[in-house]
Amino acid sequence: MANPKRRHSQARTSKRRAHDHLTPHSLSECPNCHERKMPHRACPKCGYYKGREVLAVETEK
């Protein structure tokens, strides 16, 4: 199995890792309550998906 003969410099390692960052989730707006939610998922605030209620969400007191 091949092993590196010399260590990679810090700059070379940083250049390779430049694209390893995390990207934020894309969010869409719920058409029912206008809260931000993940696309293709039921809204955690109102429980609606595609115009109908699919989750029973308890209201806060």
N, C-alpha and C. Protein backbone atom coordinates (compact mmCIF):
# COMPACT_ATOMS: atom_id res chain seq x y z
N MET A 1 0.84 -1.18 0.00
CA MET A 1 0.00 0.00 0.00
C MET A 1 0.89 1.24 0.00
N ALA A 2 0.53 2.22 -0.80
CA ALA A 2 1.36 3.42 -0.93
C ALA A 2 1.20 4.33 0.28
N ASN A 3 2.32 4.90 0.72
CA ASN A 3 2.34 5.86 1.81
C ASN A 3 3.04 7.11 1.34
N PRO A 4 2.63 8.29 1.85
CA PRO A 4 3.30 9.51 1.43
C PRO A 4 4.74 9.55 1.92
N LYS A 5 5.63 10.01 1.05
CA LYS A 5 7.04 10.08 1.42
C LYS A 5 7.34 11.34 2.22
N ARG A 6 6.68 12.44 1.87
CA ARG A 6 6.88 13.71 2.57
C ARG A 6 5.51 14.22 3.03
N ARG A 7 5.53 15.03 4.08
CA ARG A 7 4.27 15.59 4.57
C ARG A 7 3.81 16.73 3.66
N HIS A 8 2.50 16.91 3.56
CA HIS A 8 1.96 18.02 2.78
C HIS A 8 2.06 19.30 3.59
N SER A 9 2.32 20.39 2.91
CA SER A 9 2.43 21.68 3.59
C SER A 9 1.05 22.12 4.10
N GLN A 10 1.07 23.07 5.03
CA GLN A 10 -0.17 23.58 5.61
C GLN A 10 -1.02 24.28 4.54
N ALA A 11 -0.38 25.00 3.64
CA ALA A 11 -1.11 25.70 2.58
C ALA A 11 -1.78 24.72 1.63
N ARG A 12 -1.07 23.65 1.28
CA ARG A 12 -1.63 22.66 0.38
C ARG A 12 -2.83 21.95 1.02
N THR A 13 -2.71 21.65 2.31
CA THR A 13 -3.81 21.02 3.04
C THR A 13 -5.01 21.96 3.12
N SER A 14 -4.75 23.25 3.39
CA SER A 14 -5.84 24.22 3.49
C SER A 14 -6.54 24.43 2.16
N LYS A 15 -5.79 24.40 1.06
CA LYS A 15 -6.40 24.55 -0.27
C LYS A 15 -7.32 23.37 -0.57
N ARG A 16 -6.91 22.19 -0.18
CA ARG A 16 -7.74 21.02 -0.41
C ARG A 16 -9.01 21.08 0.44
N ARG A 17 -8.89 21.58 1.66
CA ARG A 17 -10.03 21.62 2.58
C ARG A 17 -10.92 22.85 2.39
N ALA A 18 -10.62 23.69 1.43
CA ALA A 18 -11.37 24.93 1.24
C ALA A 18 -12.83 24.67 0.90
N HIS A 19 -13.15 23.54 0.29
CA HIS A 19 -14.51 23.23 -0.13
C HIS A 19 -15.20 22.26 0.82
N ASP A 20 -14.61 21.98 1.96
CA ASP A 20 -15.18 21.01 2.90
C ASP A 20 -16.14 21.64 3.89
N HIS A 21 -16.48 22.91 3.72
CA HIS A 21 -17.34 23.59 4.68
C HIS A 21 -18.78 23.11 4.54
N LEU A 22 -19.56 23.34 5.58
CA LEU A 22 -20.97 22.98 5.58
C LEU A 22 -21.79 24.10 4.96
N THR A 23 -22.84 23.74 4.28
CA THR A 23 -23.73 24.73 3.70
C THR A 23 -25.03 24.74 4.50
N PRO A 24 -25.66 25.89 4.68
CA PRO A 24 -26.92 25.92 5.43
C PRO A 24 -28.04 25.24 4.65
N HIS A 25 -29.02 24.71 5.39
CA HIS A 25 -30.16 24.06 4.76
C HIS A 25 -30.96 25.07 3.94
N SER A 26 -31.45 24.63 2.81
CA SER A 26 -32.35 25.50 2.04
C SER A 26 -33.72 25.42 2.69
N LEU A 27 -34.34 26.57 2.87
CA LEU A 27 -35.64 26.63 3.52
C LEU A 27 -36.66 27.24 2.58
N SER A 28 -37.88 26.76 2.68
CA SER A 28 -38.97 27.33 1.90
C SER A 28 -40.03 27.85 2.86
N GLU A 29 -40.98 28.58 2.34
CA GLU A 29 -42.02 29.17 3.17
C GLU A 29 -43.26 28.29 3.16
N CYS A 30 -43.81 28.07 4.32
CA CYS A 30 -45.05 27.30 4.43
C CYS A 30 -46.20 28.16 3.87
N PRO A 31 -46.97 27.64 2.92
CA PRO A 31 -48.06 28.44 2.35
C PRO A 31 -49.22 28.65 3.32
N ASN A 32 -49.29 27.84 4.37
CA ASN A 32 -50.39 27.96 5.33
C ASN A 32 -50.10 28.99 6.42
N CYS A 33 -48.93 28.87 7.09
CA CYS A 33 -48.64 29.77 8.22
C CYS A 33 -47.48 30.71 7.94
N HIS A 34 -46.84 30.58 6.78
CA HIS A 34 -45.75 31.45 6.33
C HIS A 34 -44.49 31.37 7.21
N GLU A 35 -44.30 30.24 7.88
CA GLU A 35 -43.06 30.00 8.63
C GLU A 35 -42.05 29.35 7.69
N ARG A 36 -40.78 29.45 8.04
CA ARG A 36 -39.74 28.80 7.25
C ARG A 36 -39.71 27.31 7.60
N LYS A 37 -39.61 26.45 6.58
CA LYS A 37 -39.59 25.00 6.80
C LYS A 37 -38.71 24.34 5.76
N MET A 38 -38.34 23.10 6.03
CA MET A 38 -37.56 22.33 5.07
C MET A 38 -38.47 21.97 3.89
N PRO A 39 -37.97 22.02 2.65
CA PRO A 39 -38.82 21.67 1.50
C PRO A 39 -39.19 20.18 1.50
N HIS A 40 -40.35 19.85 1.00
CA HIS A 40 -40.87 18.49 0.87
C HIS A 40 -41.07 17.82 2.23
N ARG A 41 -41.36 18.62 3.26
CA ARG A 41 -41.63 18.09 4.59
C ARG A 41 -42.81 18.85 5.19
N ALA A 42 -43.49 18.20 6.12
CA ALA A 42 -44.62 18.86 6.79
C ALA A 42 -44.09 20.00 7.65
N CYS A 43 -44.87 21.05 7.77
CA CYS A 43 -44.49 22.21 8.56
C CYS A 43 -44.53 21.84 10.05
N PRO A 44 -43.44 22.06 10.78
CA PRO A 44 -43.46 21.71 12.21
C PRO A 44 -44.32 22.65 13.05
N LYS A 45 -44.66 23.83 12.52
CA LYS A 45 -45.45 24.80 13.29
C LYS A 45 -46.95 24.52 13.18
N CYS A 46 -47.43 24.27 11.95
CA CYS A 46 -48.88 24.08 11.78
C CYS A 46 -49.26 22.65 11.41
N GLY A 47 -48.30 21.83 10.95
CA GLY A 47 -48.58 20.43 10.64
C GLY A 47 -49.18 20.20 9.26
N TYR A 48 -49.14 21.21 8.39
CA TYR A 48 -49.72 21.07 7.05
C TYR A 48 -48.66 20.67 6.03
N TYR A 49 -49.09 19.89 5.04
CA TYR A 49 -48.24 19.54 3.90
C TYR A 49 -49.14 19.40 2.69
N LYS A 50 -48.80 20.11 1.62
CA LYS A 50 -49.56 20.12 0.37
C LYS A 50 -51.03 20.46 0.59
N GLY A 51 -51.28 21.46 1.45
CA GLY A 51 -52.63 21.97 1.63
C GLY A 51 -53.52 21.18 2.56
N ARG A 52 -53.01 20.13 3.20
CA ARG A 52 -53.85 19.38 4.14
C ARG A 52 -53.06 19.09 5.40
N GLU A 53 -53.77 18.89 6.50
CA GLU A 53 -53.11 18.67 7.77
C GLU A 53 -52.68 17.20 7.86
N VAL A 54 -51.40 16.97 8.09
CA VAL A 54 -50.89 15.61 8.19
C VAL A 54 -50.30 15.33 9.57
N LEU A 55 -50.04 16.37 10.36
CA LEU A 55 -49.53 16.21 11.72
C LEU A 55 -50.46 16.93 12.69
N ALA A 56 -50.69 16.31 13.82
CA ALA A 56 -51.45 16.97 14.88
C ALA A 56 -50.46 17.73 15.75
N VAL A 57 -50.49 19.07 15.67
CA VAL A 57 -49.55 19.91 16.40
C VAL A 57 -50.29 20.54 17.57
N GLU A 58 -49.68 20.40 18.77
CA GLU A 58 -50.28 21.02 19.95
C GLU A 58 -49.98 22.50 19.96
N THR A 59 -50.96 23.32 20.31
CA THR A 59 -50.76 24.75 20.39
C THR A 59 -50.17 25.11 21.75
N GLU A 60 -49.31 26.14 21.75
CA GLU A 60 -48.69 26.58 22.98
C GLU A 60 -49.67 27.40 23.80
N LYS A 61 -49.53 27.31 25.11
CA LYS A 61 -50.44 28.07 25.98
C LYS A 61 -49.81 29.35 26.40
